Amino acid sequence: GTLDFGSIADEANIKNVVVYGVPTPSASPVQLLNYLSLDNISISIPTAASKEVTLSASYTYTPFFSRLPFRDTPLAFTFDAAAKMRTAP
């Protein structure tokens, strides 16, 4: 075989680890964080130029009271987190 620095694990398995904590969830998986779904996770695969993989998660938090009384000011806000790792020298 050959060593391929540009390859990463299966994207579905990566997303499952982020959301459920395991690469292959059970028939009735339990999320690590409420309301964080696979759709909230994105992965940018490495290219020959960048040699980096980036994992991003975006989550919109909406409190119980979503607006201030007598105001039209929404109280929801989005959390964004990302991690980047180099895949080749």
Protein backbone atom coordinates (compact mmCIF):
# COMPACT_ATOMS: atom_id res chain seq x y z
CA GLY A 1 0.00 0.00 0.00
CA THR A 2 0.86 3.65 -0.16
CA LEU A 3 0.63 6.34 2.45
CA ASP A 4 -1.91 9.05 1.61
CA PHE A 5 -1.62 12.13 3.81
CA GLY A 6 -4.66 13.71 2.13
CA SER A 7 -7.15 11.07 3.22
CA ILE A 8 -9.30 11.41 6.32
CA ALA A 9 -11.82 9.15 8.06
CA ASP A 10 -15.28 8.76 6.58
CA GLU A 11 -17.11 12.09 6.92
CA ALA A 12 -20.28 10.45 8.26
CA ASN A 13 -18.25 8.75 11.01
CA ILE A 14 -16.58 12.04 11.93
CA LYS A 15 -19.96 13.79 12.22
CA ASN A 16 -21.33 10.91 14.31
CA VAL A 17 -18.42 11.21 16.76
CA VAL A 18 -19.11 14.94 17.16
CA VAL A 19 -22.86 14.51 17.70
CA TYR A 20 -23.10 11.09 19.41
CA GLY A 21 -19.58 10.38 20.68
CA VAL A 22 -19.18 7.20 18.61
CA PRO A 23 -18.50 6.63 14.89
CA THR A 24 -21.42 4.20 14.50
CA PRO A 25 -24.37 5.12 16.72
CA SER A 26 -26.89 2.57 17.97
CA ALA A 27 -30.43 2.25 16.62
CA SER A 28 -31.60 4.87 19.13
CA PRO A 29 -28.60 7.20 19.51
CA VAL A 30 -28.33 9.79 22.27
CA GLN A 31 -26.92 13.19 21.34
CA LEU A 32 -24.10 14.59 23.47
CA LEU A 33 -25.67 18.06 23.26
CA ASN A 34 -29.41 18.64 22.93
CA TYR A 35 -30.42 20.10 19.57
CA LEU A 36 -27.01 19.57 17.94
CA SER A 37 -27.61 17.49 14.82
CA LEU A 38 -25.53 16.10 11.99
CA ASP A 39 -26.75 19.02 9.85
CA ASN A 40 -24.94 21.45 12.18
CA ILE A 41 -21.54 19.89 11.40
CA SER A 42 -19.45 20.67 8.33
CA ILE A 43 -16.10 19.29 7.23
CA SER A 44 -13.70 20.81 4.74
CA ILE A 45 -11.50 18.09 3.32
CA PRO A 46 -7.79 18.68 2.76
CA THR A 47 -6.47 19.73 -0.63
CA ALA A 48 -2.99 19.30 -2.03
CA ALA A 49 -2.36 22.98 -1.32
CA SER A 50 -3.88 23.34 2.17
CA LYS A 51 -3.13 19.88 3.63
CA GLU A 52 -5.59 20.75 6.43
CA VAL A 53 -8.97 19.41 7.46
CA THR A 54 -11.39 21.76 9.23
CA LEU A 55 -14.31 20.59 11.33
CA SER A 56 -16.94 23.23 12.10
CA ALA A 57 -20.09 23.19 14.19
CA SER A 58 -22.77 25.85 14.29
CA TYR A 59 -25.59 25.89 16.83
CA THR A 60 -28.32 28.49 17.27
CA TYR A 61 -29.40 28.90 20.89
CA THR A 62 -32.91 30.21 21.46
CA PRO A 63 -33.81 30.86 25.10
CA PHE A 64 -37.24 30.06 26.54
CA PHE A 65 -38.24 33.69 26.11
CA SER A 66 -37.17 34.34 22.55
CA ARG A 67 -37.95 38.09 22.60
CA LEU A 68 -37.89 40.87 25.16
CA PRO A 69 -41.33 42.08 26.26
CA PHE A 70 -42.52 45.17 24.39
CA ARG A 71 -39.52 44.95 22.07
CA ASP A 72 -38.88 43.21 18.80
CA THR A 73 -35.34 42.23 19.78
CA PRO A 74 -34.59 38.55 19.26
CA LEU A 75 -32.57 36.86 21.99
CA ALA A 76 -31.35 33.92 19.91
CA PHE A 77 -27.67 33.78 19.05
CA THR A 78 -25.39 31.38 17.23
CA PHE A 79 -22.41 29.53 18.65
CA ASP A 80 -19.72 28.65 16.13
CA ALA A 81 -16.74 26.43 16.83
CA ALA A 82 -14.06 25.05 14.54
CA ALA A 83 -10.96 22.91 14.76
CA LYS A 84 -8.27 22.60 12.13
CA MET A 85 -5.69 19.85 11.79
CA ARG A 86 -2.85 19.41 9.37
CA THR A 87 -2.90 16.08 7.50
CA ALA A 88 0.51 16.17 5.84
CA PRO A 89 3.98 17.61 6.45
